[in-house]
């Protein structure tokens, strides 16, 4: 459970995800990162069974995607997932997308999630057992160097 980072999702660039530039379209980078997020939620016991049982889920409150290298149709994708931080209601995740055969970093995705009670639509604390799992993963990932693009801010850099 405490692999650092976690590799929970792999896929290939699907033909329907390719744009007129013949590479993975920006919208489908987000879709692929969303699938990696779902894989993490399932791993952490926060996915479909959890939602049905507790009436709680996670909403993405903020997301940043940075693009490094293009991914062509059929390219194998490997997603590395890290827990950067967690508190009683929030989860800060970071995904890195790598070309699974060539190893290069293609894109990163940083997200802030809020634990929400679906009945009220308001934030709610994680149950203690789920918070313990998330905190354990976060502790295992804390020893890793800061990920690329963490906390990036958009702007034109003047020299």
N, C-alpha and C. Protein backbone atom coordinates (compact mmCIF):
# COMPACT_ATOMS: atom_id res chain seq x y z
N UNK A 1 0.81 -1.20 0.00
CA UNK A 1 0.00 0.00 0.00
C UNK A 1 0.85 1.26 0.00
N UNK A 2 2.08 1.18 0.41
CA UNK A 2 2.87 2.40 0.55
C UNK A 2 3.95 2.52 -0.50
N UNK A 3 3.75 1.90 -1.68
CA UNK A 3 4.70 2.10 -2.76
C UNK A 3 4.83 3.59 -3.02
N UNK A 4 6.02 4.00 -3.37
CA UNK A 4 6.24 5.42 -3.59
C UNK A 4 7.00 5.63 -4.90
N UNK A 5 6.41 6.22 -5.89
CA UNK A 5 4.99 6.53 -6.01
C UNK A 5 4.18 5.29 -6.40
N UNK A 6 2.87 5.42 -6.35
CA UNK A 6 1.99 4.32 -6.74
C UNK A 6 1.82 4.28 -8.25
N UNK A 7 1.84 3.10 -8.82
CA UNK A 7 1.51 2.92 -10.23
C UNK A 7 0.25 2.03 -10.24
N UNK A 8 -0.89 2.68 -10.41
CA UNK A 8 -2.18 2.00 -10.32
C UNK A 8 -2.95 1.98 -11.63
N UNK A 9 -2.48 2.75 -12.60
CA UNK A 9 -3.22 2.84 -13.85
C UNK A 9 -2.27 2.90 -15.04
N UNK A 10 -2.56 2.08 -16.02
CA UNK A 10 -1.87 2.10 -17.31
C UNK A 10 -2.93 2.07 -18.41
N UNK A 11 -2.62 2.63 -19.55
CA UNK A 11 -3.54 2.65 -20.67
C UNK A 11 -2.70 2.88 -21.92
N UNK A 12 -3.37 3.01 -23.06
CA UNK A 12 -2.73 3.43 -24.29
C UNK A 12 -3.50 4.63 -24.82
N UNK A 13 -2.84 5.44 -25.64
CA UNK A 13 -3.51 6.56 -26.27
C UNK A 13 -4.50 5.98 -27.29
N UNK A 14 -5.77 6.15 -27.01
CA UNK A 14 -6.84 5.56 -27.82
C UNK A 14 -7.07 6.40 -29.08
N UNK A 15 -7.45 5.75 -30.18
CA UNK A 15 -7.66 6.51 -31.43
C UNK A 15 -8.63 7.67 -31.28
N UNK A 16 -9.68 7.50 -30.48
CA UNK A 16 -10.67 8.57 -30.31
C UNK A 16 -10.14 9.72 -29.44
N UNK A 17 -8.97 9.56 -28.86
CA UNK A 17 -8.37 10.60 -28.04
C UNK A 17 -7.37 11.47 -28.82
N UNK A 18 -7.13 11.14 -30.08
CA UNK A 18 -6.12 11.82 -30.88
C UNK A 18 -6.76 12.98 -31.65
N UNK A 19 -6.04 14.10 -31.74
CA UNK A 19 -6.58 15.28 -32.41
C UNK A 19 -5.95 15.50 -33.78
N UNK A 20 -6.24 16.64 -34.37
CA UNK A 20 -5.75 17.00 -35.72
C UNK A 20 -4.24 17.15 -35.77
N UNK A 21 -3.56 17.25 -34.64
CA UNK A 21 -2.10 17.29 -34.60
C UNK A 21 -1.51 15.88 -34.50
N UNK A 22 -2.38 14.87 -34.50
CA UNK A 22 -1.98 13.46 -34.46
C UNK A 22 -1.36 13.05 -33.13
N UNK A 23 -1.76 13.74 -32.08
CA UNK A 23 -1.33 13.33 -30.73
C UNK A 23 -2.47 13.50 -29.74
N UNK A 24 -2.26 13.00 -28.54
CA UNK A 24 -3.27 13.05 -27.50
C UNK A 24 -3.76 14.48 -27.31
N UNK A 25 -5.07 14.66 -27.46
CA UNK A 25 -5.70 15.97 -27.33
C UNK A 25 -5.72 16.39 -25.86
N UNK A 26 -5.63 17.69 -25.61
CA UNK A 26 -5.56 18.20 -24.24
C UNK A 26 -6.73 17.72 -23.38
N UNK A 27 -7.93 17.66 -23.94
CA UNK A 27 -9.08 17.21 -23.16
C UNK A 27 -8.91 15.76 -22.71
N UNK A 28 -8.25 14.96 -23.53
CA UNK A 28 -8.11 13.55 -23.19
C UNK A 28 -6.93 13.29 -22.27
N UNK A 29 -5.98 14.21 -22.17
CA UNK A 29 -5.01 14.13 -21.07
C UNK A 29 -5.78 14.20 -19.76
N UNK A 30 -6.71 15.16 -19.68
CA UNK A 30 -7.51 15.31 -18.46
C UNK A 30 -8.34 14.05 -18.22
N UNK A 31 -8.93 13.49 -19.27
CA UNK A 31 -9.71 12.26 -19.12
C UNK A 31 -8.83 11.13 -18.59
N UNK A 32 -7.64 10.98 -19.17
CA UNK A 32 -6.73 9.92 -18.72
C UNK A 32 -6.30 10.15 -17.27
N UNK A 33 -6.01 11.40 -16.89
CA UNK A 33 -5.68 11.68 -15.49
C UNK A 33 -6.86 11.38 -14.58
N UNK A 34 -8.08 11.64 -15.05
CA UNK A 34 -9.27 11.33 -14.27
C UNK A 34 -9.39 9.83 -14.03
N UNK A 35 -9.07 9.03 -15.04
CA UNK A 35 -9.09 7.57 -14.86
C UNK A 35 -8.03 7.13 -13.85
N UNK A 36 -6.87 7.80 -13.87
CA UNK A 36 -5.83 7.50 -12.87
C UNK A 36 -6.30 7.89 -11.47
N UNK A 37 -7.03 8.99 -11.37
CA UNK A 37 -7.59 9.41 -10.08
C UNK A 37 -8.59 8.38 -9.58
N UNK A 38 -9.46 7.91 -10.47
CA UNK A 38 -10.42 6.87 -10.08
C UNK A 38 -9.70 5.62 -9.59
N UNK A 39 -8.61 5.25 -10.27
CA UNK A 39 -7.84 4.07 -9.84
C UNK A 39 -7.28 4.28 -8.43
N UNK A 40 -6.83 5.51 -8.14
CA UNK A 40 -6.34 5.78 -6.79
C UNK A 40 -7.48 5.72 -5.78
N UNK A 41 -8.62 6.33 -6.09
CA UNK A 41 -9.76 6.28 -5.18
C UNK A 41 -10.17 4.84 -4.88
N UNK A 42 -10.17 4.00 -5.90
CA UNK A 42 -10.50 2.59 -5.71
C UNK A 42 -9.47 1.92 -4.80
N UNK A 43 -8.19 2.17 -5.04
CA UNK A 43 -7.10 1.63 -4.23
C UNK A 43 -7.24 2.03 -2.76
N UNK A 44 -7.63 3.29 -2.53
CA UNK A 44 -7.73 3.83 -1.17
C UNK A 44 -9.08 3.52 -0.51
N UNK A 45 -9.94 2.77 -1.19
CA UNK A 45 -11.24 2.43 -0.62
C UNK A 45 -12.21 3.58 -0.61
N UNK A 46 -12.12 4.45 -1.62
CA UNK A 46 -12.97 5.65 -1.68
C UNK A 46 -13.81 5.70 -2.94
N UNK A 47 -14.02 4.57 -3.59
CA UNK A 47 -14.69 4.60 -4.88
C UNK A 47 -16.13 4.13 -4.77
N UNK A 48 -16.64 3.42 -5.73
CA UNK A 48 -18.08 3.18 -5.87
C UNK A 48 -18.72 2.55 -4.64
N UNK A 49 -18.14 1.49 -4.07
CA UNK A 49 -18.71 0.87 -2.87
C UNK A 49 -18.75 1.87 -1.71
N UNK A 50 -17.68 2.65 -1.58
CA UNK A 50 -17.59 3.65 -0.52
C UNK A 50 -18.70 4.70 -0.69
N UNK A 51 -18.88 5.18 -1.92
CA UNK A 51 -19.88 6.21 -2.18
C UNK A 51 -21.28 5.68 -1.83
N UNK A 52 -21.58 4.47 -2.25
CA UNK A 52 -22.89 3.87 -1.94
C UNK A 52 -23.08 3.68 -0.44
N UNK A 53 -22.04 3.21 0.24
CA UNK A 53 -22.14 2.90 1.67
C UNK A 53 -22.23 4.14 2.54
N UNK A 54 -21.46 5.19 2.18
CA UNK A 54 -21.35 6.35 3.07
C UNK A 54 -22.14 7.56 2.61
N UNK A 55 -22.46 7.62 1.31
CA UNK A 55 -23.10 8.82 0.78
C UNK A 55 -22.12 9.97 0.61
N UNK A 56 -20.84 9.66 0.70
CA UNK A 56 -19.81 10.68 0.53
C UNK A 56 -18.95 10.35 -0.70
N UNK A 57 -18.36 11.38 -1.25
CA UNK A 57 -17.51 11.22 -2.42
C UNK A 57 -16.44 12.31 -2.39
N UNK A 58 -15.62 12.32 -3.41
CA UNK A 58 -14.60 13.36 -3.55
C UNK A 58 -14.88 14.18 -4.79
N UNK A 59 -14.83 15.50 -4.64
CA UNK A 59 -14.95 16.43 -5.75
C UNK A 59 -13.59 17.05 -5.99
N UNK A 60 -13.24 17.25 -7.24
CA UNK A 60 -12.02 17.98 -7.56
C UNK A 60 -12.35 19.47 -7.45
N UNK A 61 -11.60 20.17 -6.62
CA UNK A 61 -11.83 21.61 -6.40
C UNK A 61 -10.92 22.46 -7.26
N UNK A 62 -9.73 21.93 -7.57
CA UNK A 62 -8.77 22.67 -8.39
C UNK A 62 -7.88 21.66 -9.09
N UNK A 63 -7.48 22.01 -10.32
CA UNK A 63 -6.63 21.10 -11.09
C UNK A 63 -5.68 21.91 -11.96
N UNK A 64 -4.45 21.41 -12.07
CA UNK A 64 -3.45 22.00 -12.96
C UNK A 64 -2.86 20.87 -13.79
N UNK A 65 -2.76 21.10 -15.09
CA UNK A 65 -2.12 20.14 -15.99
C UNK A 65 -0.96 20.86 -16.67
N UNK A 66 0.18 20.20 -16.69
CA UNK A 66 1.35 20.71 -17.41
C UNK A 66 1.75 19.67 -18.45
N UNK A 67 2.03 20.14 -19.66
CA UNK A 67 2.35 19.26 -20.77
C UNK A 67 3.84 19.37 -21.07
N UNK A 68 4.51 18.22 -21.20
CA UNK A 68 5.95 18.19 -21.43
C UNK A 68 6.31 17.66 -22.81
N UNK A 69 5.76 16.51 -23.16
CA UNK A 69 6.03 15.90 -24.47
C UNK A 69 4.76 15.27 -24.98
N UNK A 70 4.64 15.23 -26.30
CA UNK A 70 3.42 14.69 -26.88
C UNK A 70 3.39 13.17 -26.78
N UNK A 71 2.17 12.67 -26.81
CA UNK A 71 1.91 11.22 -26.82
C UNK A 71 1.11 10.94 -28.09
N UNK A 72 1.62 10.03 -28.91
CA UNK A 72 0.97 9.68 -30.19
C UNK A 72 -0.02 8.53 -29.98
N UNK A 73 -0.89 8.36 -30.95
CA UNK A 73 -1.87 7.27 -30.92
C UNK A 73 -1.18 5.93 -30.70
N UNK A 74 -1.74 5.15 -29.77
CA UNK A 74 -1.20 3.82 -29.46
C UNK A 74 -0.07 3.81 -28.46
N UNK A 75 0.42 4.99 -28.06
CA UNK A 75 1.53 5.05 -27.11
C UNK A 75 1.10 4.50 -25.75
N UNK A 76 1.93 3.68 -25.13
CA UNK A 76 1.59 3.16 -23.81
C UNK A 76 1.79 4.23 -22.73
N UNK A 77 0.82 4.34 -21.85
CA UNK A 77 0.87 5.36 -20.79
C UNK A 77 0.97 4.69 -19.43
N UNK A 78 1.82 5.25 -18.57
CA UNK A 78 1.95 4.80 -17.17
C UNK A 78 1.77 6.03 -16.28
N UNK A 79 0.90 5.90 -15.30
CA UNK A 79 0.61 7.00 -14.39
C UNK A 79 1.19 6.70 -13.02
N UNK A 80 1.99 7.61 -12.51
CA UNK A 80 2.50 7.52 -11.14
C UNK A 80 1.70 8.50 -10.30
N UNK A 81 1.22 8.03 -9.16
CA UNK A 81 0.35 8.84 -8.31
C UNK A 81 0.98 9.00 -6.94
N UNK A 82 0.92 10.23 -6.44
CA UNK A 82 1.45 10.55 -5.12
C UNK A 82 0.42 11.32 -4.31
N UNK A 83 0.39 11.03 -3.01
CA UNK A 83 -0.37 11.85 -2.07
C UNK A 83 0.60 12.90 -1.56
N UNK A 84 0.32 14.16 -1.85
CA UNK A 84 1.17 15.25 -1.37
C UNK A 84 0.77 15.70 0.03
N UNK A 85 -0.54 15.65 0.30
CA UNK A 85 -1.01 16.09 1.62
C UNK A 85 -2.45 15.62 1.80
N UNK A 86 -2.86 15.55 3.04
CA UNK A 86 -4.24 15.20 3.36
C UNK A 86 -4.57 15.82 4.71
N UNK A 87 -5.79 16.29 4.85
CA UNK A 87 -6.28 16.70 6.17
C UNK A 87 -7.68 16.11 6.34
N UNK A 88 -8.43 16.57 7.30
CA UNK A 88 -9.70 15.90 7.62
C UNK A 88 -10.72 15.94 6.48
N UNK A 89 -10.60 16.92 5.56
CA UNK A 89 -11.59 17.03 4.47
C UNK A 89 -10.97 17.13 3.07
N UNK A 90 -9.67 17.30 2.98
CA UNK A 90 -9.04 17.54 1.68
C UNK A 90 -7.95 16.52 1.38
N UNK A 91 -7.75 16.30 0.08
CA UNK A 91 -6.73 15.40 -0.41
C UNK A 91 -6.02 16.07 -1.57
N UNK A 92 -4.70 16.18 -1.47
CA UNK A 92 -3.87 16.81 -2.49
C UNK A 92 -3.10 15.71 -3.21
N UNK A 93 -3.44 15.47 -4.49
CA UNK A 93 -2.82 14.41 -5.28
C UNK A 93 -1.97 14.98 -6.41
N UNK A 94 -1.01 14.17 -6.84
CA UNK A 94 -0.17 14.55 -7.98
C UNK A 94 0.05 13.32 -8.84
N UNK A 95 -0.27 13.44 -10.14
CA UNK A 95 -0.05 12.36 -11.09
C UNK A 95 1.05 12.79 -12.08
N UNK A 96 1.88 11.84 -12.45
CA UNK A 96 2.84 12.02 -13.54
C UNK A 96 2.52 11.00 -14.61
N UNK A 97 2.38 11.45 -15.84
CA UNK A 97 2.12 10.57 -16.98
C UNK A 97 3.44 10.36 -17.71
N UNK A 98 3.82 9.09 -17.85
CA UNK A 98 5.05 8.72 -18.55
C UNK A 98 4.74 7.84 -19.74
N UNK A 99 5.55 7.98 -20.78
CA UNK A 99 5.49 7.02 -21.88
C UNK A 99 6.02 5.71 -21.30
N UNK A 100 5.20 4.67 -21.29
CA UNK A 100 5.55 3.45 -20.57
C UNK A 100 6.67 2.65 -21.22
N UNK A 101 6.93 2.85 -22.49
CA UNK A 101 8.03 2.13 -23.14
C UNK A 101 9.32 2.95 -23.14
N UNK A 102 9.19 4.24 -23.44
CA UNK A 102 10.38 5.10 -23.54
C UNK A 102 10.73 5.79 -22.23
N UNK A 103 9.79 5.84 -21.30
CA UNK A 103 10.07 6.36 -19.96
C UNK A 103 9.96 7.85 -19.77
N UNK A 104 9.82 8.63 -20.84
CA UNK A 104 9.84 10.08 -20.67
C UNK A 104 8.56 10.59 -20.00
N UNK A 105 8.70 11.72 -19.32
CA UNK A 105 7.58 12.41 -18.69
C UNK A 105 6.82 13.15 -19.77
N UNK A 106 5.52 12.85 -19.92
CA UNK A 106 4.70 13.50 -20.93
C UNK A 106 3.87 14.65 -20.35
N UNK A 107 3.35 14.48 -19.12
CA UNK A 107 2.49 15.50 -18.53
C UNK A 107 2.36 15.23 -17.03
N UNK A 108 1.94 16.27 -16.31
CA UNK A 108 1.65 16.13 -14.88
C UNK A 108 0.28 16.72 -14.59
N UNK A 109 -0.29 16.26 -13.49
CA UNK A 109 -1.62 16.70 -13.08
C UNK A 109 -1.63 16.82 -11.56
N UNK A 110 -1.90 18.02 -11.09
CA UNK A 110 -1.99 18.27 -9.64
C UNK A 110 -3.44 18.59 -9.34
N UNK A 111 -4.01 17.90 -8.34
CA UNK A 111 -5.42 18.14 -8.01
C UNK A 111 -5.62 18.27 -6.50
N UNK A 112 -6.57 19.12 -6.17
CA UNK A 112 -7.03 19.26 -4.80
C UNK A 112 -8.46 18.75 -4.75
N UNK A 113 -8.68 17.74 -3.93
CA UNK A 113 -10.01 17.13 -3.81
C UNK A 113 -10.62 17.49 -2.46
N UNK A 114 -11.94 17.59 -2.46
CA UNK A 114 -12.70 17.85 -1.23
C UNK A 114 -13.62 16.67 -0.98
N UNK A 115 -13.62 16.17 0.25
CA UNK A 115 -14.53 15.09 0.65
C UNK A 115 -15.88 15.73 0.91
N UNK A 116 -16.93 15.21 0.24
CA UNK A 116 -18.24 15.86 0.25
C UNK A 116 -19.33 14.86 0.61
N UNK A 117 -20.26 15.30 1.43
CA UNK A 117 -21.48 14.54 1.72
C UNK A 117 -22.46 14.84 0.60
N UNK A 118 -22.82 13.82 -0.18
CA UNK A 118 -23.67 14.05 -1.35
C UNK A 118 -25.09 14.48 -0.98
N UNK A 119 -25.55 14.16 0.21
CA UNK A 119 -26.89 14.56 0.64
C UNK A 119 -26.98 16.07 0.87
N UNK A 120 -25.90 16.65 1.38
CA UNK A 120 -25.92 18.08 1.69
C UNK A 120 -25.16 18.92 0.66
N UNK A 121 -24.27 18.26 -0.11
CA UNK A 121 -23.43 19.00 -1.04
C UNK A 121 -22.35 19.81 -0.36
N UNK A 122 -22.10 19.51 0.91
CA UNK A 122 -21.11 20.26 1.70
C UNK A 122 -19.94 19.37 2.07
N UNK A 123 -18.83 19.99 2.35
CA UNK A 123 -17.64 19.23 2.75
C UNK A 123 -17.94 18.47 4.04
N UNK A 124 -17.27 17.34 4.18
CA UNK A 124 -17.46 16.47 5.34
C UNK A 124 -16.14 15.81 5.68
N UNK A 125 -15.89 15.53 6.95
CA UNK A 125 -14.64 14.86 7.31
C UNK A 125 -14.59 13.43 6.76
N UNK A 126 -13.37 13.00 6.42
CA UNK A 126 -13.17 11.61 6.06
C UNK A 126 -13.46 10.74 7.29
N UNK A 127 -13.98 9.54 7.11
CA UNK A 127 -14.06 8.61 8.24
C UNK A 127 -12.63 8.31 8.73
N UNK A 128 -12.46 8.07 10.02
CA UNK A 128 -11.10 7.85 10.55
C UNK A 128 -10.32 6.74 9.83
N UNK A 129 -10.99 5.65 9.45
CA UNK A 129 -10.25 4.57 8.79
C UNK A 129 -9.72 5.00 7.43
N UNK A 130 -10.47 5.81 6.67
CA UNK A 130 -10.00 6.28 5.36
C UNK A 130 -8.93 7.34 5.53
N UNK A 131 -9.09 8.21 6.52
CA UNK A 131 -8.07 9.21 6.79
C UNK A 131 -6.75 8.54 7.17
N UNK A 132 -6.81 7.48 7.95
CA UNK A 132 -5.60 6.74 8.33
C UNK A 132 -4.91 6.15 7.10
N UNK A 133 -5.68 5.58 6.18
CA UNK A 133 -5.10 5.01 4.95
C UNK A 133 -4.42 6.11 4.13
N UNK A 134 -5.13 7.21 3.92
CA UNK A 134 -4.57 8.31 3.14
C UNK A 134 -3.32 8.89 3.80
N UNK A 135 -3.36 9.03 5.11
CA UNK A 135 -2.19 9.56 5.83
C UNK A 135 -1.00 8.62 5.72
N UNK A 136 -1.23 7.32 5.78
CA UNK A 136 -0.14 6.34 5.65
C UNK A 136 0.50 6.42 4.26
N UNK A 137 -0.33 6.56 3.24
CA UNK A 137 0.21 6.71 1.88
C UNK A 137 1.00 8.01 1.79
N UNK A 138 0.45 9.08 2.33
CA UNK A 138 1.14 10.37 2.32
C UNK A 138 2.48 10.32 3.02
N UNK A 139 2.55 9.62 4.16
CA UNK A 139 3.84 9.49 4.87
C UNK A 139 4.86 8.75 4.00
N UNK A 140 4.42 7.70 3.31
CA UNK A 140 5.33 6.95 2.44
C UNK A 140 5.82 7.81 1.28
N UNK A 141 4.98 8.73 0.82
CA UNK A 141 5.35 9.56 -0.33
C UNK A 141 6.10 10.81 0.08
N UNK A 142 6.09 11.16 1.36
CA UNK A 142 6.73 12.38 1.83
C UNK A 142 8.24 12.37 1.63
N UNK A 143 8.84 11.20 1.60
CA UNK A 143 10.29 11.11 1.45
C UNK A 143 10.75 11.33 0.01
N UNK A 144 9.83 11.30 -0.93
CA UNK A 144 10.19 11.51 -2.33
C UNK A 144 10.54 12.97 -2.57
N UNK A 145 11.40 13.24 -3.56
CA UNK A 145 11.66 14.65 -3.90
C UNK A 145 10.39 15.32 -4.40
N UNK A 146 10.34 16.62 -4.29
CA UNK A 146 9.16 17.36 -4.77
C UNK A 146 8.93 17.03 -6.24
N UNK A 147 7.68 16.78 -6.62
CA UNK A 147 7.42 16.43 -8.01
C UNK A 147 7.58 17.64 -8.93
N UNK A 148 7.87 17.36 -10.23
CA UNK A 148 7.96 18.48 -11.17
C UNK A 148 6.60 19.15 -11.28
N UNK A 149 6.61 20.43 -11.44
CA UNK A 149 5.40 21.23 -11.67
C UNK A 149 4.54 21.43 -10.44
N UNK A 150 4.91 20.91 -9.27
CA UNK A 150 4.08 21.08 -8.07
C UNK A 150 3.92 22.57 -7.78
N UNK A 151 2.66 22.96 -7.65
CA UNK A 151 2.38 24.36 -7.29
C UNK A 151 2.64 25.36 -8.40
N UNK A 152 2.72 24.92 -9.65
CA UNK A 152 2.97 25.84 -10.75
C UNK A 152 1.89 26.91 -10.82
N UNK A 153 2.30 28.09 -11.21
CA UNK A 153 1.41 29.20 -11.42
C UNK A 153 1.54 29.61 -12.88
N UNK A 154 0.42 29.90 -13.52
CA UNK A 154 0.45 30.31 -14.92
C UNK A 154 0.83 31.78 -15.02
N UNK A 155 1.71 32.09 -15.94
CA UNK A 155 2.10 33.48 -16.18
C UNK A 155 3.21 33.53 -17.20
N UNK A 156 3.38 34.69 -17.80
CA UNK A 156 4.48 34.90 -18.74
C UNK A 156 5.70 35.28 -17.94
N UNK A 157 6.76 34.53 -18.12
CA UNK A 157 8.00 34.80 -17.39
C UNK A 157 8.84 35.80 -18.21
N UNK A 158 9.10 36.92 -17.65
CA UNK A 158 9.92 37.96 -18.31
C UNK A 158 11.37 37.75 -17.89
N UNK A 159 12.24 37.90 -18.85
CA UNK A 159 13.69 37.73 -18.54
C UNK A 159 14.38 39.05 -18.47
